[in-house]
Amino acid sequence: MRLLEFLDQQDLSSAYYDPNADEAHVKTINDTRKPKLTLKHLNRLKRIRALRKIEDLKRAGLLSVMYAIPDEGGMGGGGGFGGPGF
């Protein structure tokens, strides 16, 4: 913005800022600026992050069991149709 936009255009000799004529910081209904974060918002985000971390740890534990290398004596598939038992 230019300085002259903040100043009163009719009286440039006085060159004082008029806060009543300021339209740069007025919010309207269609304004797309982000809302200010309050402590309530921050605490909610903190709880969400903690829950996601717990869910990720549970998922990692399940995946490690699901995709673990099977034991030698286990009931693994192995062999296939062309193997020695068929």
N, C-alpha and C. Protein backbone atom coordinates (compact mmCIF):
# COMPACT_ATOMS: atom_id res chain seq x y z
N MET A 1 0.83 -1.18 0.00
CA MET A 1 0.00 0.00 0.00
C MET A 1 0.87 1.24 0.00
N ARG A 2 0.31 2.28 -0.50
CA ARG A 2 1.02 3.55 -0.52
C ARG A 2 0.67 4.37 0.71
N LEU A 3 1.56 5.21 1.12
CA LEU A 3 1.34 6.03 2.29
C LEU A 3 0.16 6.97 2.08
N LEU A 4 0.00 7.46 0.86
CA LEU A 4 -1.10 8.39 0.60
C LEU A 4 -2.47 7.74 0.74
N GLU A 5 -2.55 6.44 0.63
CA GLU A 5 -3.82 5.76 0.82
C GLU A 5 -4.24 5.77 2.28
N PHE A 6 -3.28 5.86 3.19
CA PHE A 6 -3.61 5.93 4.61
C PHE A 6 -3.94 7.35 5.05
N LEU A 7 -3.48 8.30 4.31
CA LEU A 7 -3.68 9.69 4.70
C LEU A 7 -4.97 10.23 4.09
N ASP A 8 -5.49 11.25 4.72
CA ASP A 8 -6.70 11.90 4.23
C ASP A 8 -6.39 12.60 2.90
N GLN A 9 -7.10 12.26 1.85
CA GLN A 9 -6.81 12.80 0.52
C GLN A 9 -7.19 14.28 0.39
N GLN A 10 -8.19 14.75 1.15
CA GLN A 10 -8.60 16.15 1.01
C GLN A 10 -7.61 17.11 1.67
N ASP A 11 -7.00 16.67 2.72
CA ASP A 11 -6.12 17.58 3.45
C ASP A 11 -4.73 16.97 3.56
N LEU A 12 -3.94 17.08 2.50
CA LEU A 12 -2.59 16.52 2.52
C LEU A 12 -1.61 17.37 3.31
N SER A 13 -1.99 18.61 3.61
CA SER A 13 -1.08 19.46 4.38
C SER A 13 -0.98 18.98 5.82
N SER A 14 -2.07 18.48 6.40
CA SER A 14 -2.02 18.00 7.78
C SER A 14 -1.39 16.60 7.82
N ALA A 15 -1.70 15.76 6.84
CA ALA A 15 -1.11 14.43 6.66
C ALA A 15 -1.19 13.57 7.91
N TYR A 16 -2.38 13.50 8.50
CA TYR A 16 -2.59 12.65 9.66
C TYR A 16 -3.36 11.40 9.27
N TYR A 17 -3.09 10.34 9.97
CA TYR A 17 -3.77 9.07 9.73
C TYR A 17 -5.12 9.09 10.44
N ASP A 18 -6.16 8.70 9.72
CA ASP A 18 -7.50 8.66 10.28
C ASP A 18 -7.91 7.19 10.43
N PRO A 19 -7.98 6.66 11.64
CA PRO A 19 -8.34 5.25 11.80
C PRO A 19 -9.78 4.94 11.38
N ASN A 20 -10.66 5.92 11.39
CA ASN A 20 -12.04 5.68 10.97
C ASN A 20 -12.14 5.44 9.47
N ALA A 21 -11.19 5.96 8.72
CA ALA A 21 -11.20 5.77 7.26
C ALA A 21 -10.39 4.55 6.83
N ASP A 22 -9.83 3.83 7.79
CA ASP A 22 -9.01 2.66 7.48
C ASP A 22 -9.91 1.48 7.10
N GLU A 23 -9.73 0.96 5.90
CA GLU A 23 -10.51 -0.18 5.44
C GLU A 23 -9.64 -1.41 5.23
N ALA A 24 -8.37 -1.33 5.55
CA ALA A 24 -7.46 -2.44 5.31
C ALA A 24 -7.62 -3.55 6.34
N HIS A 25 -8.00 -3.22 7.56
CA HIS A 25 -8.05 -4.21 8.63
C HIS A 25 -9.47 -4.54 9.06
N VAL A 26 -10.45 -4.21 8.26
CA VAL A 26 -11.84 -4.50 8.60
C VAL A 26 -12.20 -5.87 8.03
N LYS A 27 -12.73 -6.74 8.89
CA LYS A 27 -13.14 -8.06 8.44
C LYS A 27 -14.58 -7.99 7.93
N THR A 28 -14.81 -8.74 6.86
CA THR A 28 -16.16 -8.85 6.33
C THR A 28 -16.60 -10.31 6.40
N ILE A 29 -17.83 -10.58 6.02
CA ILE A 29 -18.34 -11.96 6.04
C ILE A 29 -17.59 -12.83 5.04
N ASN A 30 -17.24 -12.28 3.91
CA ASN A 30 -16.56 -13.04 2.85
C ASN A 30 -15.05 -13.07 3.02
N ASP A 31 -14.55 -12.64 4.15
CA ASP A 31 -13.12 -12.58 4.38
C ASP A 31 -12.56 -14.00 4.53
N THR A 32 -11.43 -14.27 3.89
CA THR A 32 -10.85 -15.61 3.90
C THR A 32 -9.61 -15.71 4.79
N ARG A 33 -9.39 -14.75 5.64
CA ARG A 33 -8.25 -14.83 6.54
C ARG A 33 -8.45 -15.93 7.56
N LYS A 34 -7.36 -16.50 8.03
CA LYS A 34 -7.43 -17.57 9.01
C LYS A 34 -7.84 -17.00 10.37
N PRO A 35 -8.61 -17.75 11.15
CA PRO A 35 -8.94 -17.29 12.49
C PRO A 35 -7.71 -17.40 13.39
N LYS A 36 -7.71 -16.64 14.45
CA LYS A 36 -6.59 -16.69 15.37
C LYS A 36 -6.71 -17.95 16.23
N LEU A 37 -5.58 -18.61 16.46
CA LEU A 37 -5.58 -19.82 17.26
C LEU A 37 -5.60 -19.44 18.74
N THR A 38 -6.53 -20.05 19.46
CA THR A 38 -6.60 -19.84 20.89
C THR A 38 -6.00 -21.04 21.60
N LEU A 39 -5.89 -20.95 22.92
CA LEU A 39 -5.37 -22.08 23.68
C LEU A 39 -6.28 -23.29 23.55
N LYS A 40 -7.57 -23.06 23.42
CA LYS A 40 -8.52 -24.16 23.23
C LYS A 40 -8.22 -24.90 21.93
N HIS A 41 -7.96 -24.15 20.85
CA HIS A 41 -7.62 -24.77 19.57
C HIS A 41 -6.31 -25.55 19.67
N LEU A 42 -5.32 -24.95 20.31
CA LEU A 42 -4.00 -25.58 20.42
C LEU A 42 -4.07 -26.87 21.24
N ASN A 43 -4.85 -26.87 22.34
CA ASN A 43 -4.98 -28.08 23.15
C ASN A 43 -5.70 -29.18 22.37
N ARG A 44 -6.69 -28.82 21.57
CA ARG A 44 -7.40 -29.81 20.75
C ARG A 44 -6.45 -30.42 19.72
N LEU A 45 -5.63 -29.59 19.08
CA LEU A 45 -4.66 -30.09 18.12
C LEU A 45 -3.63 -31.01 18.79
N LYS A 46 -3.25 -30.67 20.02
CA LYS A 46 -2.30 -31.49 20.76
C LYS A 46 -2.88 -32.87 21.05
N ARG A 47 -4.17 -32.93 21.45
CA ARG A 47 -4.82 -34.22 21.70
C ARG A 47 -4.94 -35.03 20.42
N ILE A 48 -5.27 -34.38 19.31
CA ILE A 48 -5.39 -35.08 18.03
C ILE A 48 -4.05 -35.69 17.63
N ARG A 49 -2.96 -34.93 17.78
CA ARG A 49 -1.63 -35.45 17.46
C ARG A 49 -1.26 -36.64 18.34
N ALA A 50 -1.61 -36.58 19.63
CA ALA A 50 -1.30 -37.69 20.54
C ALA A 50 -2.08 -38.94 20.14
N LEU A 51 -3.36 -38.78 19.79
CA LEU A 51 -4.16 -39.93 19.37
C LEU A 51 -3.63 -40.54 18.08
N ARG A 52 -3.23 -39.71 17.14
CA ARG A 52 -2.67 -40.23 15.89
C ARG A 52 -1.37 -40.99 16.14
N LYS A 53 -0.56 -40.51 17.07
CA LYS A 53 0.69 -41.18 17.39
C LYS A 53 0.41 -42.56 17.99
N ILE A 54 -0.58 -42.65 18.88
CA ILE A 54 -0.94 -43.93 19.48
C ILE A 54 -1.46 -44.88 18.41
N GLU A 55 -2.32 -44.38 17.51
CA GLU A 55 -2.84 -45.22 16.43
C GLU A 55 -1.73 -45.71 15.52
N ASP A 56 -0.76 -44.87 15.22
CA ASP A 56 0.36 -45.28 14.37
C ASP A 56 1.20 -46.37 15.05
N LEU A 57 1.40 -46.25 16.36
CA LEU A 57 2.15 -47.28 17.08
C LEU A 57 1.41 -48.61 17.07
N LYS A 58 0.09 -48.58 17.26
CA LYS A 58 -0.71 -49.81 17.22
C LYS A 58 -0.65 -50.43 15.83
N ARG A 59 -0.77 -49.59 14.80
CA ARG A 59 -0.73 -50.08 13.43
C ARG A 59 0.64 -50.68 13.11
N ALA A 60 1.70 -50.06 13.60
CA ALA A 60 3.04 -50.58 13.36
C ALA A 60 3.22 -51.93 14.04
N GLY A 61 2.66 -52.10 15.25
CA GLY A 61 2.73 -53.39 15.94
C GLY A 61 1.98 -54.47 15.19
N LEU A 62 0.80 -54.13 14.66
CA LEU A 62 0.02 -55.09 13.89
C LEU A 62 0.73 -55.47 12.61
N LEU A 63 1.31 -54.51 11.93
CA LEU A 63 2.01 -54.79 10.67
C LEU A 63 3.26 -55.63 10.90
N SER A 64 3.93 -55.42 12.03
CA SER A 64 5.13 -56.22 12.30
C SER A 64 4.75 -57.67 12.55
N VAL A 65 3.59 -57.93 13.14
CA VAL A 65 3.12 -59.31 13.35
C VAL A 65 2.64 -59.89 12.03
N MET A 66 1.92 -59.09 11.26
CA MET A 66 1.33 -59.57 10.02
C MET A 66 2.39 -59.93 8.98
N TYR A 67 3.42 -59.14 8.88
CA TYR A 67 4.43 -59.36 7.86
C TYR A 67 5.74 -59.92 8.41
N ALA A 68 5.69 -60.56 9.56
CA ALA A 68 6.90 -61.14 10.16
C ALA A 68 7.31 -62.38 9.36
N ILE A 69 8.59 -62.70 9.42
CA ILE A 69 9.11 -63.89 8.75
C ILE A 69 8.61 -65.11 9.54
N PRO A 70 7.96 -66.06 8.88
CA PRO A 70 7.40 -67.22 9.61
C PRO A 70 8.49 -68.12 10.17
N ASP A 71 8.13 -68.85 11.23
CA ASP A 71 9.06 -69.81 11.85
C ASP A 71 9.26 -71.00 10.92
N GLU A 72 10.36 -71.73 11.14
CA GLU A 72 10.66 -72.91 10.34
C GLU A 72 9.64 -74.03 10.58
N GLY A 73 9.23 -74.24 11.82
CA GLY A 73 8.33 -75.33 12.15
C GLY A 73 6.87 -74.93 12.04
N GLY A 74 6.59 -73.74 11.59
CA GLY A 74 5.22 -73.25 11.53
C GLY A 74 4.42 -73.87 10.40
N MET A 75 3.19 -73.50 10.32
CA MET A 75 2.27 -74.01 9.31
C MET A 75 2.31 -73.11 8.08
N GLY A 76 3.45 -72.90 7.54
CA GLY A 76 3.60 -72.04 6.37
C GLY A 76 3.08 -72.72 5.10
N GLY A 77 2.82 -71.95 4.07
CA GLY A 77 2.30 -72.50 2.82
C GLY A 77 3.34 -73.34 2.11
N GLY A 78 4.44 -72.79 1.75
CA GLY A 78 5.58 -73.47 1.14
C GLY A 78 5.26 -74.62 0.20
N GLY A 79 6.14 -75.03 -0.63
CA GLY A 79 5.99 -76.19 -1.49
C GLY A 79 5.17 -75.94 -2.74
N GLY A 80 3.92 -75.62 -2.60
CA GLY A 80 3.07 -75.39 -3.75
C GLY A 80 2.54 -76.69 -4.33
N PHE A 81 1.94 -76.65 -5.51
CA PHE A 81 1.32 -77.81 -6.12
C PHE A 81 2.35 -78.76 -6.76
N GLY A 82 3.47 -78.26 -7.12
CA GLY A 82 4.46 -79.14 -7.77
C GLY A 82 5.42 -79.75 -6.80
N GLY A 83 5.17 -79.61 -5.48
CA GLY A 83 6.10 -80.07 -4.48
C GLY A 83 6.05 -81.57 -4.26
N PRO A 84 6.82 -82.05 -3.30
CA PRO A 84 6.97 -83.48 -3.08
C PRO A 84 5.71 -84.15 -2.55
N GLY A 85 4.78 -83.46 -1.95
CA GLY A 85 3.61 -84.09 -1.37
C GLY A 85 2.52 -84.35 -2.39
N PHE A 86 2.65 -83.92 -3.59
CA PHE A 86 1.55 -84.07 -4.56
C PHE A 86 1.94 -84.92 -5.72
